[in-house]
């Protein structure tokens, strides 16, 4: 029996597969067990383990693999794994949640691209288990993410205003969305009390404006794709192995204009790469990694000399 967990910003997906291949799953709000950030409360690990026990019925499991949003360095992954091991008493591996995408797609190696509430690109090499580009947060980066798209749209609209150009479709729709009177009002609507949910909720407005011909919105999306492609190439050039690029996340999945723009950029700068949208749930990547870890542990055990022979 192996357990896979995908911890996202808003939901946590827990899956168990027994020796007969039977699958049990639970999807819960991440806030139901997590207080603050991943390390914001010392009891977070205890509450997550309690959720695992609800699925396993208290039975011992084999290897547990967790893909965790918020574990952006190897040190953070090891720290959270240690916390879970101390409570659960079983073998636990923690990786960044983006590292679930490639195995979930059935690929043995490649680059993962998550574009949703945030964005991050992750790969791995034989000597570095986590090569990361992006993931800097909605205020500072995360190209293509829902709040990132809105941030860049407002910046462009403010530049248009400074240049004395008329308010376009995108400007009018964002003004209406935020209930302000003009482009200047967007500054106060987004910055006086900056909230990621408020910014992200306006992202569909940008894509709808692009579909209706807004040059400003189209430029925002093209530049987001360029930023994502640059992060992919950054990870690739730093030694990430595999030419598969697996994309997931609410924005890249539900906004074909962004995915198409990214695919075109990748085709220009990395023709040998094979880019795809993930069709399986990322938690299946955690199960695949748990299966691999379990097999490796069994293989190592079989090679140990028997002291009784």
Protein backbone atom coordinates (compact mmCIF):
# COMPACT_ATOMS: atom_id res chain seq x y z
CA UNK A 1 0.00 0.00 0.00
CA UNK A 2 1.40 3.38 -1.04
CA UNK A 3 0.10 6.88 -0.41
CA UNK A 4 0.40 9.93 -2.64
CA UNK A 5 -0.51 13.48 -1.58
CA UNK A 6 -0.79 16.63 -3.65
CA UNK A 7 -0.87 19.74 -1.45
CA UNK A 8 -2.05 22.76 -3.40
CA UNK A 9 -2.68 26.29 -2.30
CA UNK A 10 -6.42 25.66 -1.90
CA UNK A 11 -6.96 21.89 -1.81
CA UNK A 12 -5.16 18.72 -0.76
CA UNK A 13 -5.65 15.49 -2.71
CA UNK A 14 -4.78 12.27 -0.86
CA UNK A 15 -4.74 8.93 -2.70
CA UNK A 16 -4.01 5.42 -1.50
CA UNK A 17 -3.36 2.39 -3.70
CA UNK A 18 -3.32 -1.06 -2.09
CA UNK A 19 -1.46 -4.19 -3.16
CA UNK A 20 -4.39 -5.25 -5.36
CA UNK A 21 -4.34 -1.92 -7.20
CA UNK A 22 -7.51 -0.61 -5.57
CA UNK A 23 -7.60 3.16 -5.23
CA UNK A 24 -9.08 5.30 -2.46
CA UNK A 25 -9.03 9.09 -2.58
CA UNK A 26 -9.96 12.13 -0.51
CA UNK A 27 -9.92 15.79 -1.53
CA UNK A 28 -10.05 18.30 1.30
CA UNK A 29 -9.45 22.05 1.67
CA UNK A 30 -5.80 22.67 2.52
CA UNK A 31 -6.92 25.08 5.22
CA UNK A 32 -8.71 22.21 6.98
CA UNK A 33 -5.34 20.95 8.25
CA UNK A 34 -2.85 23.71 7.44
CA UNK A 35 -2.62 26.78 9.63
CA UNK A 36 -0.81 29.62 7.89
CA UNK A 37 1.99 28.46 5.59
CA UNK A 38 3.27 24.92 5.48
CA UNK A 39 5.55 25.66 8.43
CA UNK A 40 3.22 28.20 10.00
CA UNK A 41 2.05 25.84 12.76
CA UNK A 42 4.04 23.01 14.31
CA UNK A 43 0.87 20.88 14.42
CA UNK A 44 0.31 20.99 10.65
CA UNK A 45 2.12 17.67 10.20
CA UNK A 46 -0.01 16.05 12.91
CA UNK A 47 -3.23 17.19 11.26
CA UNK A 48 -2.12 15.98 7.82
CA UNK A 49 -1.17 12.59 9.20
CA UNK A 50 -4.61 12.39 10.83
CA UNK A 51 -6.12 12.92 7.37
CA UNK A 52 -3.97 10.09 5.98
CA UNK A 53 -5.16 7.78 8.76
CA UNK A 54 -8.78 8.52 7.82
CA UNK A 55 -8.01 7.09 4.38
CA UNK A 56 -5.87 4.15 5.49
CA UNK A 57 -8.13 3.24 8.38
CA UNK A 58 -5.13 3.46 10.66
CA UNK A 59 -3.29 0.68 8.83
CA UNK A 60 0.41 1.01 8.13
CA UNK A 61 1.21 2.04 4.58
CA UNK A 62 4.29 1.72 2.46
CA UNK A 63 6.10 4.73 1.11
CA UNK A 64 4.34 8.11 1.26
CA UNK A 65 5.19 10.77 -1.33
CA UNK A 66 3.97 14.33 -0.84
CA UNK A 67 4.06 17.05 -3.46
CA UNK A 68 3.80 20.26 -1.47
CA UNK A 69 3.05 23.77 -2.65
CA UNK A 70 5.39 25.95 -0.61
CA UNK A 71 8.34 23.54 -0.51
CA UNK A 72 10.49 25.45 -2.98
CA UNK A 73 13.93 24.22 -1.91
CA UNK A 74 15.38 20.82 -1.09
CA UNK A 75 15.95 21.98 2.47
CA UNK A 76 12.26 22.84 2.89
CA UNK A 77 11.26 19.47 1.45
CA UNK A 78 13.51 17.62 3.88
CA UNK A 79 12.24 19.70 6.79
CA UNK A 80 8.60 18.86 6.08
CA UNK A 81 9.45 15.21 5.42
CA UNK A 82 11.16 15.00 8.81
CA UNK A 83 8.08 16.46 10.50
CA UNK A 84 5.79 13.93 8.81
CA UNK A 85 8.10 10.98 9.55
CA UNK A 86 8.26 11.86 13.22
CA UNK A 87 4.46 11.70 13.43
CA UNK A 88 3.64 8.98 10.91
CA UNK A 89 6.50 6.60 11.56
CA UNK A 90 6.71 5.55 7.89
CA UNK A 91 8.97 6.35 4.96
CA UNK A 92 8.04 9.79 3.63
CA UNK A 93 9.42 11.73 0.68
CA UNK A 94 8.45 15.36 0.08
CA UNK A 95 8.92 17.17 -3.24
CA UNK A 96 7.61 20.40 -4.68
CA UNK A 97 4.09 19.93 -6.04
CA UNK A 98 5.33 20.76 -9.56
CA UNK A 99 7.53 17.65 -9.43
CA UNK A 100 4.41 15.47 -9.56
CA UNK A 101 3.50 16.58 -13.07
CA UNK A 102 6.09 14.68 -15.11
CA UNK A 103 5.49 11.26 -13.48
CA UNK A 104 1.73 11.90 -13.53
CA UNK A 105 2.03 12.23 -17.31
CA UNK A 106 3.82 8.89 -17.50
CA UNK A 107 7.17 10.50 -18.29
CA UNK A 108 10.41 9.47 -16.62
CA UNK A 109 12.05 12.89 -16.95
CA UNK A 110 11.18 16.38 -18.07
CA UNK A 111 10.24 19.90 -17.05
CA UNK A 112 7.08 20.75 -15.12
CA UNK A 113 5.24 24.03 -15.62
CA UNK A 114 2.50 25.07 -13.20
CA UNK A 115 0.47 28.16 -14.05
CA UNK A 116 -2.46 28.88 -11.77
CA UNK A 117 -2.67 31.10 -8.72
CA UNK A 118 1.12 31.19 -9.02
CA UNK A 119 3.58 29.93 -11.61
CA UNK A 120 6.77 27.92 -11.33
CA UNK A 121 8.99 25.78 -13.58
CA UNK A 122 10.81 22.80 -12.09
CA UNK A 123 13.18 20.17 -13.45
CA UNK A 124 15.87 17.85 -12.12
CA UNK A 125 19.33 16.61 -13.06
CA UNK A 126 21.38 13.63 -11.85
CA UNK A 127 23.10 15.94 -9.35
CA UNK A 128 20.29 18.36 -8.47
CA UNK A 129 16.86 17.08 -7.49
CA UNK A 130 15.20 20.49 -7.86
CA UNK A 131 16.12 23.05 -10.50
CA UNK A 132 13.67 25.93 -10.19
CA UNK A 133 12.84 29.05 -12.16
CA UNK A 134 10.06 31.42 -11.20
CA UNK A 135 7.81 30.86 -8.22
CA UNK A 136 8.67 34.29 -6.82
CA UNK A 137 5.15 35.11 -5.73
CA UNK A 138 2.31 37.15 -7.13
CA UNK A 139 3.72 40.53 -6.17
CA UNK A 140 7.15 39.99 -7.74
CA UNK A 141 6.80 37.53 -10.59
CA UNK A 142 4.86 34.37 -11.46
CA UNK A 143 4.36 35.12 -15.19
CA UNK A 144 1.06 33.84 -16.56
CA UNK A 145 -0.47 33.31 -13.14
CA UNK A 146 -3.93 34.71 -12.51
CA UNK A 147 -2.75 37.62 -10.33
CA UNK A 148 0.36 38.09 -12.49
CA UNK A 149 -1.74 38.58 -15.62
CA UNK A 150 -3.85 41.21 -13.85
CA UNK A 151 -0.78 42.96 -12.44
CA UNK A 152 0.81 43.25 -15.87
CA UNK A 153 -2.47 44.33 -17.47
CA UNK A 154 -2.87 47.23 -15.04
CA UNK A 155 0.75 48.28 -15.57
CA UNK A 156 0.17 48.42 -19.32
CA UNK A 157 -3.05 50.36 -18.89
CA UNK A 158 -1.28 52.91 -16.71
CA UNK A 159 1.42 53.30 -19.36
CA UNK A 160 -1.27 53.87 -21.99
CA UNK A 161 -2.80 56.55 -19.77
CA UNK A 162 0.57 58.27 -19.33
CA UNK A 163 1.04 58.25 -23.10
CA UNK A 164 -2.31 59.97 -23.53
CA UNK A 165 -3.91 57.04 -25.31
CA UNK A 166 -7.60 56.21 -25.02
CA UNK A 167 -8.92 53.56 -22.66
CA UNK A 168 -9.36 50.32 -24.62
CA UNK A 169 -11.65 47.32 -24.13
CA UNK A 170 -9.44 45.86 -21.43
CA UNK A 171 -9.34 49.12 -19.50
CA UNK A 172 -13.09 49.58 -19.62
CA UNK A 173 -13.72 46.04 -18.45
CA UNK A 174 -11.25 46.15 -15.57
CA UNK A 175 -12.69 49.52 -14.48
CA UNK A 176 -16.14 47.91 -14.43
CA UNK A 177 -14.87 44.76 -12.71
CA UNK A 178 -13.31 46.68 -9.83
CA UNK A 179 -16.08 49.27 -9.63
CA UNK A 180 -13.86 52.31 -10.06
CA UNK A 181 -14.29 55.38 -12.24
CA UNK A 182 -11.06 55.41 -14.25
CA UNK A 183 -7.68 53.77 -14.85
CA UNK A 184 -6.15 55.63 -11.91
CA UNK A 185 -8.77 54.05 -9.67
CA UNK A 186 -7.29 50.64 -10.46
CA UNK A 187 -4.16 51.61 -8.54
CA UNK A 188 -6.14 52.04 -5.33
CA UNK A 189 -8.41 49.05 -5.95
CA UNK A 190 -5.43 46.72 -6.27
CA UNK A 191 -2.81 48.24 -3.97
CA UNK A 192 -4.40 49.86 -0.93
CA UNK A 193 -5.24 46.41 0.48
CA UNK A 194 -3.57 44.00 -1.95
CA UNK A 195 -5.27 40.61 -1.91
CA UNK A 196 -4.27 37.72 -4.12
CA UNK A 197 -7.86 36.50 -4.47
CA UNK A 198 -9.04 39.91 -5.63
CA UNK A 199 -6.28 40.18 -8.22
CA UNK A 200 -6.70 36.60 -9.44
CA UNK A 201 -10.47 36.90 -9.82
CA UNK A 202 -9.98 39.53 -12.52
CA UNK A 203 -7.78 37.32 -14.74
CA UNK A 204 -10.69 36.05 -16.90
CA UNK A 205 -11.42 39.68 -17.78
CA UNK A 206 -7.98 39.93 -19.41
CA UNK A 207 -8.45 36.79 -21.48
CA UNK A 208 -11.97 37.80 -22.53
CA UNK A 209 -10.69 41.21 -23.63
CA UNK A 210 -7.96 39.52 -25.67
CA UNK A 211 -10.58 37.35 -27.37
CA UNK A 212 -12.49 40.52 -28.24
CA UNK A 213 -9.46 42.14 -29.83
CA UNK A 214 -7.78 44.18 -27.08
CA UNK A 215 -4.19 44.72 -28.21
CA UNK A 216 -3.20 45.45 -24.63
CA UNK A 217 -4.62 42.16 -23.35
CA UNK A 218 -3.06 40.21 -26.22
CA UNK A 219 0.32 41.75 -25.41
CA UNK A 220 -0.05 40.81 -21.73
CA UNK A 221 -0.69 37.17 -22.66
CA UNK A 222 2.14 37.02 -25.21
CA UNK A 223 4.57 38.48 -22.67
CA UNK A 224 3.38 36.01 -20.04
CA UNK A 225 4.10 33.16 -22.46
CA UNK A 226 7.53 34.62 -23.16
CA UNK A 227 8.27 34.76 -19.42
CA UNK A 228 7.20 31.15 -18.92
CA UNK A 229 9.25 30.00 -21.92
CA UNK A 230 12.29 31.83 -20.56
CA UNK A 231 11.89 30.01 -17.25
CA UNK A 232 11.62 26.67 -19.06
CA UNK A 233 14.82 27.35 -20.99
CA UNK A 234 16.52 28.53 -17.80
CA UNK A 235 15.77 25.20 -16.11
CA UNK A 236 16.79 23.25 -19.22
CA UNK A 237 20.09 25.09 -19.55
CA UNK A 238 20.87 24.47 -15.88
CA UNK A 239 20.91 20.74 -16.56
CA UNK A 240 17.34 19.48 -16.25
CA UNK A 241 17.08 16.18 -18.11
CA UNK A 242 14.30 15.09 -20.45
CA UNK A 243 12.62 16.95 -23.30
CA UNK A 244 9.04 16.51 -22.04
CA UNK A 245 7.34 19.69 -20.85
CA UNK A 246 4.23 18.98 -18.80
CA UNK A 247 1.89 21.86 -17.99
CA UNK A 248 -0.83 22.07 -15.35
CA UNK A 249 -2.68 24.63 -13.28
CA UNK A 250 -5.98 26.43 -13.62
CA UNK A 251 -4.82 29.22 -15.93
CA UNK A 252 -2.74 27.22 -18.42
CA UNK A 253 -5.40 24.50 -18.53
CA UNK A 254 -8.43 26.75 -18.95
CA UNK A 255 -6.97 29.52 -21.11
CA UNK A 256 -5.99 28.03 -24.48
CA UNK A 257 -4.62 31.35 -25.73
CA UNK A 258 -1.87 31.25 -23.09
CA UNK A 259 -1.06 27.58 -23.69
CA UNK A 260 -0.95 28.11 -27.44
CA UNK A 261 1.35 31.11 -27.05
CA UNK A 262 3.67 29.13 -24.77
CA UNK A 263 3.68 26.16 -27.15
CA UNK A 264 4.64 28.46 -30.04
CA UNK A 265 7.44 30.05 -28.02
CA UNK A 266 8.84 26.66 -27.03
CA UNK A 267 8.69 25.45 -30.65
CA UNK A 268 10.87 28.42 -31.66
CA UNK A 269 13.52 28.10 -28.98
CA UNK A 270 13.52 24.37 -28.12
CA UNK A 271 12.27 22.46 -31.18
CA UNK A 272 13.05 19.02 -29.72
CA UNK A 273 10.81 19.53 -26.71
CA UNK A 274 7.40 17.84 -26.50
CA UNK A 275 4.93 20.03 -24.63
CA UNK A 276 1.61 18.77 -23.28
CA UNK A 277 -1.18 19.63 -20.88
CA UNK A 278 -1.48 17.19 -18.00
CA UNK A 279 -4.68 15.18 -18.27
CA UNK A 280 -4.29 13.13 -15.07
CA UNK A 281 -4.55 14.44 -11.52
CA UNK A 282 -1.08 15.38 -10.18
CA UNK A 283 -1.60 13.05 -7.20
CA UNK A 284 -1.03 10.12 -9.57
CA UNK A 285 2.50 11.44 -9.99
CA UNK A 286 2.92 11.11 -6.21
CA UNK A 287 1.69 7.50 -6.40
CA UNK A 288 4.11 6.78 -9.26
CA UNK A 289 7.01 8.18 -7.23
CA UNK A 290 5.89 6.17 -4.20
CA UNK A 291 5.80 2.99 -6.30
CA UNK A 292 9.32 3.70 -7.57
CA UNK A 293 10.60 4.38 -4.04
CA UNK A 294 8.97 1.19 -2.76
CA UNK A 295 10.54 -0.88 -5.54
CA UNK A 296 13.95 0.62 -4.88
CA UNK A 297 13.68 -0.09 -1.17
CA UNK A 298 12.68 -3.71 -1.84
CA UNK A 299 15.53 -4.08 -4.32
CA UNK A 300 18.05 -2.75 -1.82
CA UNK A 301 16.68 -5.05 0.89
CA UNK A 302 17.03 -8.10 -1.36
CA UNK A 303 20.69 -7.29 -1.98
CA UNK A 304 21.54 -7.15 1.72
CA UNK A 305 23.49 -10.23 2.89
CA UNK A 306 21.58 -12.55 5.19
CA UNK A 307 23.54 -12.84 8.46
CA UNK A 308 22.04 -16.29 9.10
CA UNK A 309 23.51 -17.82 5.94
